[in-house]
Amino acid sequence: MVVRLLISIVDALYIKPIRHVISRDTFGYCLCGAANMALDTMWYFVIYHYIVLERYIDLGFVVVSPHIAALAVVFPITFFTGFLLNRYVAFRSTTQRSSRQLVRYALSVVGSIVLNYVFMKLFVEVCHIWPTISKMITTTIVALYSFLAARYFSFRK
């Protein structure tokens, strides 16, 4: 029921001018990515302020800062919502088994994490570009990589 509702929302927003510019899969991927990013931000805010309580967490062998603790709790949530949105809403014409797609999706997410790290180090420390500008450039590159990995690797037809 939720999937049908989300698909109908994507289809309703996929209007004529947009159809001439990008494919339905690309449009669905963009909307699902934006929705997952909004969910990620909302969950991060709630977990950081109300679960972690903005405090350092002493695990005995390491002390985890509150922002990293919140990130560690949020990551599995948005990992699975991202996978489900991509599988059932954005790239719904795929024929692969979901277990295989999940493994491939996990590999592509690892690739995204590595690319984020490498490009941030490159742009900030080697090219001496301001961190915020570096993050914007990196996000653009990683978003393109993520789309291509999803379309041609994780959820290919």
C-alpha atoms as a PDB file:
ATOM      1  CA  MET A   1       0.000   0.000   0.000  1.00  0.00           C
ATOM      2  CA  VAL A   2       2.781   2.459   0.906  1.00  0.00           C
ATOM      3  CA  VAL A   3       4.748   1.437  -2.181  1.00  0.00           C
ATOM      4  CA  ARG A   4       1.725   2.036  -4.432  1.00  0.00           C
ATOM      5  CA  LEU A   5       1.209   5.458  -2.861  1.00  0.00           C
ATOM      6  CA  LEU A   6       4.863   6.408  -3.379  1.00  0.00           C
ATOM      7  CA  ILE A   7       4.819   5.183  -6.978  1.00  0.00           C
ATOM      8  CA  SER A   8       1.666   7.185  -7.686  1.00  0.00           C
ATOM      9  CA  ILE A   9       3.303  10.300  -6.195  1.00  0.00           C
ATOM     10  CA  VAL A  10       6.378   9.849  -8.380  1.00  0.00           C
ATOM     11  CA  ASP A  11       4.198   9.245 -11.430  1.00  0.00           C
ATOM     12  CA  ALA A  12       2.028  12.302 -10.671  1.00  0.00           C
ATOM     13  CA  LEU A  13       5.096  14.525 -10.384  1.00  0.00           C
ATOM     14  CA  TYR A  14       6.650  13.110 -13.565  1.00  0.00           C
ATOM     15  CA  ILE A  15       4.993  15.728 -15.756  1.00  0.00           C
ATOM     16  CA  LYS A  16       5.465  16.481 -19.439  1.00  0.00           C
ATOM     17  CA  PRO A  17       8.363  18.980 -19.312  1.00  0.00           C
ATOM     18  CA  ILE A  18      10.361  16.646 -17.062  1.00  0.00           C
ATOM     19  CA  ARG A  19       9.656  13.639 -19.318  1.00  0.00           C
ATOM     20  CA  HIS A  20      11.531  15.353 -22.132  1.00  0.00           C
ATOM     21  CA  VAL A  21      14.618  15.878 -19.999  1.00  0.00           C
ATOM     22  CA  ILE A  22      15.127  12.730 -17.875  1.00  0.00           C
ATOM     23  CA  SER A  23      13.888   9.155 -17.756  1.00  0.00           C
ATOM     24  CA  ARG A  24      11.321   7.889 -15.257  1.00  0.00           C
ATOM     25  CA  ASP A  25      14.017   5.849 -13.471  1.00  0.00           C
ATOM     26  CA  THR A  26      16.257   8.901 -13.104  1.00  0.00           C
ATOM     27  CA  PHE A  27      13.379  11.035 -11.877  1.00  0.00           C
ATOM     28  CA  GLY A  28      12.287   8.360  -9.408  1.00  0.00           C
ATOM     29  CA  TYR A  29      15.857   7.958  -8.203  1.00  0.00           C
ATOM     30  CA  CYS A  30      16.163  11.714  -7.613  1.00  0.00           C
ATOM     31  CA  LEU A  31      12.893  11.866  -5.664  1.00  0.00           C
ATOM     32  CA  CYS A  32      13.727   8.758  -3.636  1.00  0.00           C
ATOM     33  CA  GLY A  33      17.197  10.117  -2.910  1.00  0.00           C
ATOM     34  CA  ALA A  34      15.780  13.445  -1.773  1.00  0.00           C
ATOM     35  CA  ALA A  35      13.214  11.674   0.412  1.00  0.00           C
ATOM     36  CA  ASN A  36      15.867   9.434   1.945  1.00  0.00           C
ATOM     37  CA  MET A  37      18.124  12.428   2.575  1.00  0.00           C
ATOM     38  CA  ALA A  38      15.239  14.232   4.313  1.00  0.00           C
ATOM     39  CA  LEU A  39      14.562  11.114   6.420  1.00  0.00           C
ATOM     40  CA  ASP A  40      18.250  10.871   7.235  1.00  0.00           C
ATOM     41  CA  THR A  41      18.330  14.472   8.439  1.00  0.00           C
ATOM     42  CA  MET A  42      15.161  14.060  10.496  1.00  0.00           C
ATOM     43  CA  TRP A  43      16.364  10.815  12.124  1.00  0.00           C
ATOM     44  CA  TYR A  44      19.795  12.321  12.792  1.00  0.00           C
ATOM     45  CA  PHE A  45      18.233  15.333  14.530  1.00  0.00           C
ATOM     46  CA  VAL A  46      15.950  13.175  16.686  1.00  0.00           C
ATOM     47  CA  ILE A  47      18.636  10.647  17.604  1.00  0.00           C
ATOM     48  CA  TYR A  48      21.322  13.274  18.271  1.00  0.00           C
ATOM     49  CA  HIS A  49      19.114  15.443  20.490  1.00  0.00           C
ATOM     50  CA  TYR A  50      16.738  12.921  22.124  1.00  0.00           C
ATOM     51  CA  ILE A  51      18.473   9.519  22.154  1.00  0.00           C
ATOM     52  CA  VAL A  52      22.182  10.315  22.374  1.00  0.00           C
ATOM     53  CA  LEU A  53      21.282  13.502  24.288  1.00  0.00           C
ATOM     54  CA  GLU A  54      24.264  15.367  22.769  1.00  0.00           C
ATOM     55  CA  ARG A  55      26.608  13.461  25.100  1.00  0.00           C
ATOM     56  CA  TYR A  56      29.774  11.483  24.591  1.00  0.00           C
ATOM     57  CA  ILE A  57      29.261   7.730  24.948  1.00  0.00           C
ATOM     58  CA  ASP A  58      31.916   5.736  26.802  1.00  0.00           C
ATOM     59  CA  LEU A  59      31.938   2.169  25.473  1.00  0.00           C
ATOM     60  CA  GLY A  60      34.787   1.144  27.761  1.00  0.00           C
ATOM     61  CA  PHE A  61      37.357   0.703  25.007  1.00  0.00           C
ATOM     62  CA  VAL A  62      36.547   3.929  23.138  1.00  0.00           C
ATOM     63  CA  VAL A  63      34.647   7.150  23.725  1.00  0.00           C
ATOM     64  CA  VAL A  64      32.285   8.009  20.878  1.00  0.00           C
ATOM     65  CA  SER A  65      31.410  11.625  20.189  1.00  0.00           C
ATOM     66  CA  PRO A  66      27.681  12.414  20.047  1.00  0.00           C
ATOM     67  CA  HIS A  67      27.649  13.299  16.353  1.00  0.00           C
ATOM     68  CA  ILE A  68      29.389  10.055  15.406  1.00  0.00           C
ATOM     69  CA  ALA A  69      27.131   8.019  17.712  1.00  0.00           C
ATOM     70  CA  ALA A  70      24.046   9.534  16.073  1.00  0.00           C
ATOM     71  CA  LEU A  71      25.530   8.854  12.639  1.00  0.00           C
ATOM     72  CA  ALA A  72      26.171   5.209  13.585  1.00  0.00           C
ATOM     73  CA  VAL A  73      22.551   4.769  14.676  1.00  0.00           C
ATOM     74  CA  VAL A  74      21.075   6.575  11.655  1.00  0.00           C
ATOM     75  CA  PHE A  75      23.177   4.853   8.980  1.00  0.00           C
ATOM     76  CA  PRO A  76      21.473   1.410   9.082  1.00  0.00           C
ATOM     77  CA  ILE A  77      18.034   3.038   9.038  1.00  0.00           C
ATOM     78  CA  THR A  78      18.668   5.148   5.958  1.00  0.00           C
ATOM     79  CA  PHE A  79      20.662   2.350   4.336  1.00  0.00           C
ATOM     80  CA  PHE A  80      17.576   0.124   4.338  1.00  0.00           C
ATOM     81  CA  THR A  81      15.085   2.877   3.473  1.00  0.00           C
ATOM     82  CA  GLY A  82      17.339   3.858   0.567  1.00  0.00           C
ATOM     83  CA  PHE A  83      17.484   0.263  -0.613  1.00  0.00           C
ATOM     84  CA  LEU A  84      13.715  -0.217  -0.347  1.00  0.00           C
ATOM     85  CA  LEU A  85      12.921   3.069  -2.103  1.00  0.00           C
ATOM     86  CA  ASN A  86      15.305   2.239  -4.929  1.00  0.00           C
ATOM     87  CA  ARG A  87      14.085  -1.343  -5.318  1.00  0.00           C
ATOM     88  CA  TYR A  88      10.353  -0.770  -5.124  1.00  0.00           C
ATOM     89  CA  VAL A  89       9.884   2.817  -6.317  1.00  0.00           C
ATOM     90  CA  ALA A  90      12.777   4.090  -8.443  1.00  0.00           C
ATOM     91  CA  PHE A  91      13.977   0.937 -10.226  1.00  0.00           C
ATOM     92  CA  ARG A  92      10.909  -1.246  -9.957  1.00  0.00           C
ATOM     93  CA  SER A  93      11.326  -2.925 -13.361  1.00  0.00           C
ATOM     94  CA  THR A  94      14.334  -4.913 -12.162  1.00  0.00           C
ATOM     95  CA  THR A  95      14.135  -8.711 -12.188  1.00  0.00           C
ATOM     96  CA  GLN A  96      16.982  -9.641  -9.844  1.00  0.00           C
ATOM     97  CA  ARG A  97      16.434 -11.267  -6.449  1.00  0.00           C
ATOM     98  CA  SER A  98      16.296  -8.771  -3.598  1.00  0.00           C
ATOM     99  CA  SER A  99      19.072 -10.535  -1.647  1.00  0.00           C
ATOM    100  CA  ARG A 100      21.452 -10.116  -4.588  1.00  0.00           C
ATOM    101  CA  GLN A 101      20.414  -6.490  -4.982  1.00  0.00           C
ATOM    102  CA  LEU A 102      20.960  -5.842  -1.283  1.00  0.00           C
ATOM    103  CA  VAL A 103      24.540  -7.129  -1.481  1.00  0.00           C
ATOM    104  CA  ARG A 104      25.191  -5.053  -4.594  1.00  0.00           C
ATOM    105  CA  TYR A 105      23.581  -2.012  -2.981  1.00  0.00           C
ATOM    106  CA  ALA A 106      25.814  -2.461   0.089  1.00  0.00           C
ATOM    107  CA  LEU A 107      28.885  -2.587  -2.160  1.00  0.00           C
ATOM    108  CA  SER A 108      27.814   0.603  -3.918  1.00  0.00           C
ATOM    109  CA  VAL A 109      27.272   2.327  -0.556  1.00  0.00           C
ATOM    110  CA  VAL A 110      30.782   1.305   0.528  1.00  0.00           C
ATOM    111  CA  GLY A 111      31.998   2.819  -2.743  1.00  0.00           C
ATOM    112  CA  SER A 112      30.146   6.041  -1.925  1.00  0.00           C
ATOM    113  CA  ILE A 113      31.740   6.217   1.511  1.00  0.00           C
ATOM    114  CA  VAL A 114      35.212   5.674   0.040  1.00  0.00           C
ATOM    115  CA  LEU A 115      34.628   8.286  -2.670  1.00  0.00           C
ATOM    116  CA  ASN A 116      33.394  10.814  -0.102  1.00  0.00           C
ATOM    117  CA  TYR A 117      36.544  10.310   1.948  1.00  0.00           C
ATOM    118  CA  VAL A 118      38.950  10.384  -1.005  1.00  0.00           C
ATOM    119  CA  PHE A 119      37.433  13.444  -2.679  1.00  0.00           C
ATOM    120  CA  MET A 120      37.166  15.418   0.559  1.00  0.00           C
ATOM    121  CA  LYS A 121      40.834  14.682   1.334  1.00  0.00           C
ATOM    122  CA  LEU A 122      41.817  15.563  -2.249  1.00  0.00           C
ATOM    123  CA  PHE A 123      39.845  18.789  -2.526  1.00  0.00           C
ATOM    124  CA  VAL A 124      40.556  20.143   0.976  1.00  0.00           C
ATOM    125  CA  GLU A 125      44.099  18.944   1.670  1.00  0.00           C
ATOM    126  CA  VAL A 126      45.642  18.733  -1.805  1.00  0.00           C
ATOM    127  CA  CYS A 127      43.710  21.313  -3.850  1.00  0.00           C
ATOM    128  CA  HIS A 128      43.158  23.651  -0.848  1.00  0.00           C
ATOM    129  CA  ILE A 129      39.494  24.227  -1.661  1.00  0.00           C
ATOM    130  CA  TRP A 130      37.290  25.377   1.221  1.00  0.00           C
ATOM    131  CA  PRO A 131      35.622  22.456   3.003  1.00  0.00           C
ATOM    132  CA  THR A 132      32.038  23.538   2.257  1.00  0.00           C
ATOM    133  CA  ILE A 133      32.754  23.984  -1.451  1.00  0.00           C
ATOM    134  CA  SER A 134      34.649  20.666  -1.403  1.00  0.00           C
ATOM    135  CA  LYS A 135      31.634  18.965   0.170  1.00  0.00           C
ATOM    136  CA  MET A 136      29.328  20.374  -2.523  1.00  0.00           C
ATOM    137  CA  ILE A 137      31.615  19.158  -5.325  1.00  0.00           C
ATOM    138  CA  THR A 138      32.070  15.793  -3.632  1.00  0.00           C
ATOM    139  CA  THR A 139      28.330  15.349  -3.112  1.00  0.00           C
ATOM    140  CA  THR A 140      27.711  16.026  -6.807  1.00  0.00           C
ATOM    141  CA  ILE A 141      30.323  13.469  -7.879  1.00  0.00           C
ATOM    142  CA  VAL A 142      29.128  10.844  -5.390  1.00  0.00           C
ATOM    143  CA  ALA A 143      25.460  11.377  -6.334  1.00  0.00           C
ATOM    144  CA  LEU A 144      26.339  10.737  -9.987  1.00  0.00           C
ATOM    145  CA  TYR A 145      28.335   7.647  -9.007  1.00  0.00           C
ATOM    146  CA  SER A 146      25.468   6.416  -6.805  1.00  0.00           C
ATOM    147  CA  PHE A 147      22.938   6.783  -9.602  1.00  0.00           C
ATOM    148  CA  LEU A 148      25.134   4.964 -12.103  1.00  0.00           C
ATOM    149  CA  ALA A 149      25.914   2.208  -9.577  1.00  0.00           C
ATOM    150  CA  ALA A 150      22.214   1.801  -8.784  1.00  0.00           C
ATOM    151  CA  ARG A 151      21.087   1.793 -12.382  1.00  0.00           C
ATOM    152  CA  TYR A 152      23.799  -0.364 -13.913  1.00  0.00           C
ATOM    153  CA  PHE A 153      24.913  -2.519 -10.983  1.00  0.00           C
ATOM    154  CA  SER A 154      22.568  -2.796  -7.999  1.00  0.00           C
ATOM    155  CA  PHE A 155      19.191  -2.587  -9.778  1.00  0.00           C
ATOM    156  CA  ARG A 156      20.023  -3.290 -13.409  1.00  0.00           C
ATOM    157  CA  LYS A 157      17.278  -4.700 -15.581  1.00  0.00           C
END
